[in-house]
Protein backbone atom coordinates (compact mmCIF):
# COMPACT_ATOMS: atom_id res chain seq x y z
CA MET A 1 97.84 151.26 63.40
CA SER A 2 98.33 154.76 62.00
CA ALA A 3 95.68 157.35 61.18
CA ARG A 4 96.24 156.36 57.57
CA GLU A 5 95.34 152.71 58.08
CA ILE A 6 91.91 151.18 58.48
CA ARG A 7 91.24 147.52 59.26
CA VAL A 8 87.61 146.57 58.90
CA ARG A 9 85.58 143.37 58.95
CA ASN A 10 82.64 145.03 57.26
CA ALA A 11 83.15 147.32 54.28
CA ASP A 12 80.05 149.31 55.27
CA ASP A 13 82.42 151.17 57.62
CA VAL A 14 84.12 152.74 54.60
CA GLY A 15 81.21 152.96 52.20
CA GLY A 16 81.10 149.53 50.61
CA ALA A 17 79.57 146.12 51.13
CA LEU A 18 81.79 143.06 50.69
CA ARG A 19 81.42 139.57 52.07
CA TYR A 20 85.12 139.21 52.96
CA PRO A 21 87.22 140.99 55.59
CA LEU A 22 89.44 143.67 54.16
CA GLU A 23 92.17 146.12 55.01
CA VAL A 24 92.43 149.65 53.66
CA PHE A 25 95.53 151.78 54.07
CA TRP A 26 97.29 154.81 52.61
CA VAL A 27 100.24 154.23 50.25
CA GLU A 28 102.41 157.32 50.39
CA GLU A 29 104.43 156.63 47.22
CA ASP A 30 101.24 156.22 45.18
CA GLU A 31 99.36 158.92 47.09
CA ALA A 32 96.31 156.70 47.12
CA TRP A 33 94.28 154.38 49.34
CA PHE A 34 94.92 150.67 48.88
CA ALA A 35 92.31 147.98 49.66
CA ILE A 36 93.03 144.28 49.98
CA SER A 37 91.04 141.25 51.06
CA PRO A 38 93.58 139.06 52.88
CA VAL A 39 91.64 135.86 52.18
CA PHE A 40 92.59 136.14 48.50
CA GLY A 41 96.22 137.20 49.03
CA PRO A 42 98.14 140.28 47.93
CA GLY A 43 97.33 139.96 44.22
CA VAL A 44 93.66 140.79 44.75
CA SER A 45 93.71 144.49 45.57
CA ALA A 46 92.67 147.92 44.36
CA PHE A 47 93.55 151.61 44.70
CA GLY A 48 91.28 154.63 45.16
CA GLU A 49 91.42 158.35 45.97
CA THR A 50 89.41 157.71 49.16
CA PRO A 51 88.95 154.64 51.36
CA ALA A 52 85.44 154.21 49.94
CA ALA A 53 86.73 154.44 46.35
CA ALA A 54 89.37 151.79 47.07
CA VAL A 55 86.73 149.49 48.58
CA SER A 56 84.42 150.05 45.60
CA ALA A 57 87.25 149.21 43.20
CA LEU A 58 88.09 146.13 45.27
CA ALA A 59 84.45 145.01 45.07
CA ASP A 60 84.74 145.04 41.26
CA VAL A 61 87.99 143.07 41.40
CA LEU A 62 86.50 140.53 43.81
CA GLU A 63 83.47 140.07 41.59
CA ALA A 64 85.75 139.20 38.66
CA VAL A 65 87.90 136.89 40.81
CA GLU A 66 84.84 135.09 42.19
CA GLU A 67 83.48 134.61 38.65
CA SER A 68 86.85 133.22 37.53
CA TYR A 69 86.96 130.85 40.51
CA ARG A 70 83.44 129.58 39.74
CA GLU A 71 84.22 129.11 36.03
CA ARG A 72 87.30 127.06 36.88
CA GLY A 73 85.61 125.08 39.65
CA ILE A 74 87.82 126.53 42.37
CA PRO A 75 86.06 126.80 45.75
CA LEU A 76 85.73 130.35 47.10
CA PRO A 77 87.70 131.14 50.26
CA THR A 78 85.94 130.63 53.55
CA GLU A 79 85.55 133.61 55.86
CA TYR A 80 86.91 132.56 59.22
CA SER A 81 85.44 133.73 62.52
CA GLY A 82 88.78 134.33 64.20
CA ARG A 83 87.99 131.74 66.86
CA LEU A 84 90.00 128.56 67.14
CA ASN A 85 89.77 125.67 69.60
CA LEU A 86 93.18 124.13 70.06
CA ARG A 87 94.27 121.10 72.05
CA LEU A 88 97.75 121.42 73.58
CA PRO A 89 99.88 119.18 75.73
CA LYS A 90 99.39 120.24 79.37
CA SER A 91 103.08 121.07 79.66
CA LEU A 92 102.96 123.46 76.67
CA HIS A 93 99.78 125.07 77.97
CA ALA A 94 101.46 125.66 81.33
CA GLN A 95 104.63 127.03 79.69
CA LEU A 96 102.63 129.47 77.54
CA ALA A 97 100.49 130.54 80.51
CA ARG A 98 103.64 131.28 82.55
CA GLN A 99 105.15 133.26 79.67
CA ALA A 100 101.95 135.29 79.28
CA GLU A 101 102.04 136.09 83.00
CA VAL A 102 105.68 137.20 82.75
CA GLU A 103 104.83 139.41 79.76
CA GLY A 104 101.76 140.82 81.53
CA VAL A 105 99.38 139.81 78.73
CA SER A 106 96.58 137.30 78.33
CA LEU A 107 97.35 133.82 77.05
CA ASN A 108 95.26 134.63 73.98
CA THR A 109 97.29 137.77 73.22
CA LEU A 110 100.57 135.91 73.66
CA MET A 111 99.47 133.17 71.26
CA VAL A 112 98.24 135.69 68.68
CA VAL A 113 101.61 137.45 68.80
CA TYR A 114 103.52 134.17 68.48
CA LEU A 115 101.38 132.91 65.60
CA SER A 116 101.50 136.29 63.84
CA GLU A 117 105.30 136.36 64.08
CA LYS A 118 105.51 132.84 62.66
CA ALA A 119 103.13 133.74 59.83
CA GLY A 120 105.12 136.89 59.03
CA ARG A 121 102.35 139.31 60.00
CA SER A 122 102.02 141.93 62.69
CA ALA A 123 99.59 141.09 65.47
CA GLY A 124 96.30 142.98 65.54
């Protein structure tokens, strides 16, 4: 993560208060801060001159999106805790544990990297 990228779970860290996790980062070509709430996808986003301004603009966008969802009877996205209990075949568990040991990382880290790669996202 660069000095021009901020990933926060609570918008209070950048001067706002939203109920969804968000990411704020600098967009060089637009020379502006960009805020997005990943639970809604890339179309729900906002720009600002500062991280706080981008979050404030995103709050307005999210308010309109939530109202639209309610009017159309669409359930609002659930905020996930980031914890997941997963049952695996013993052989797969052992294979992943061995791979994590070879890589010198925890089993959790290895699985996050693998799942992130599959989902097309960077881990972290």
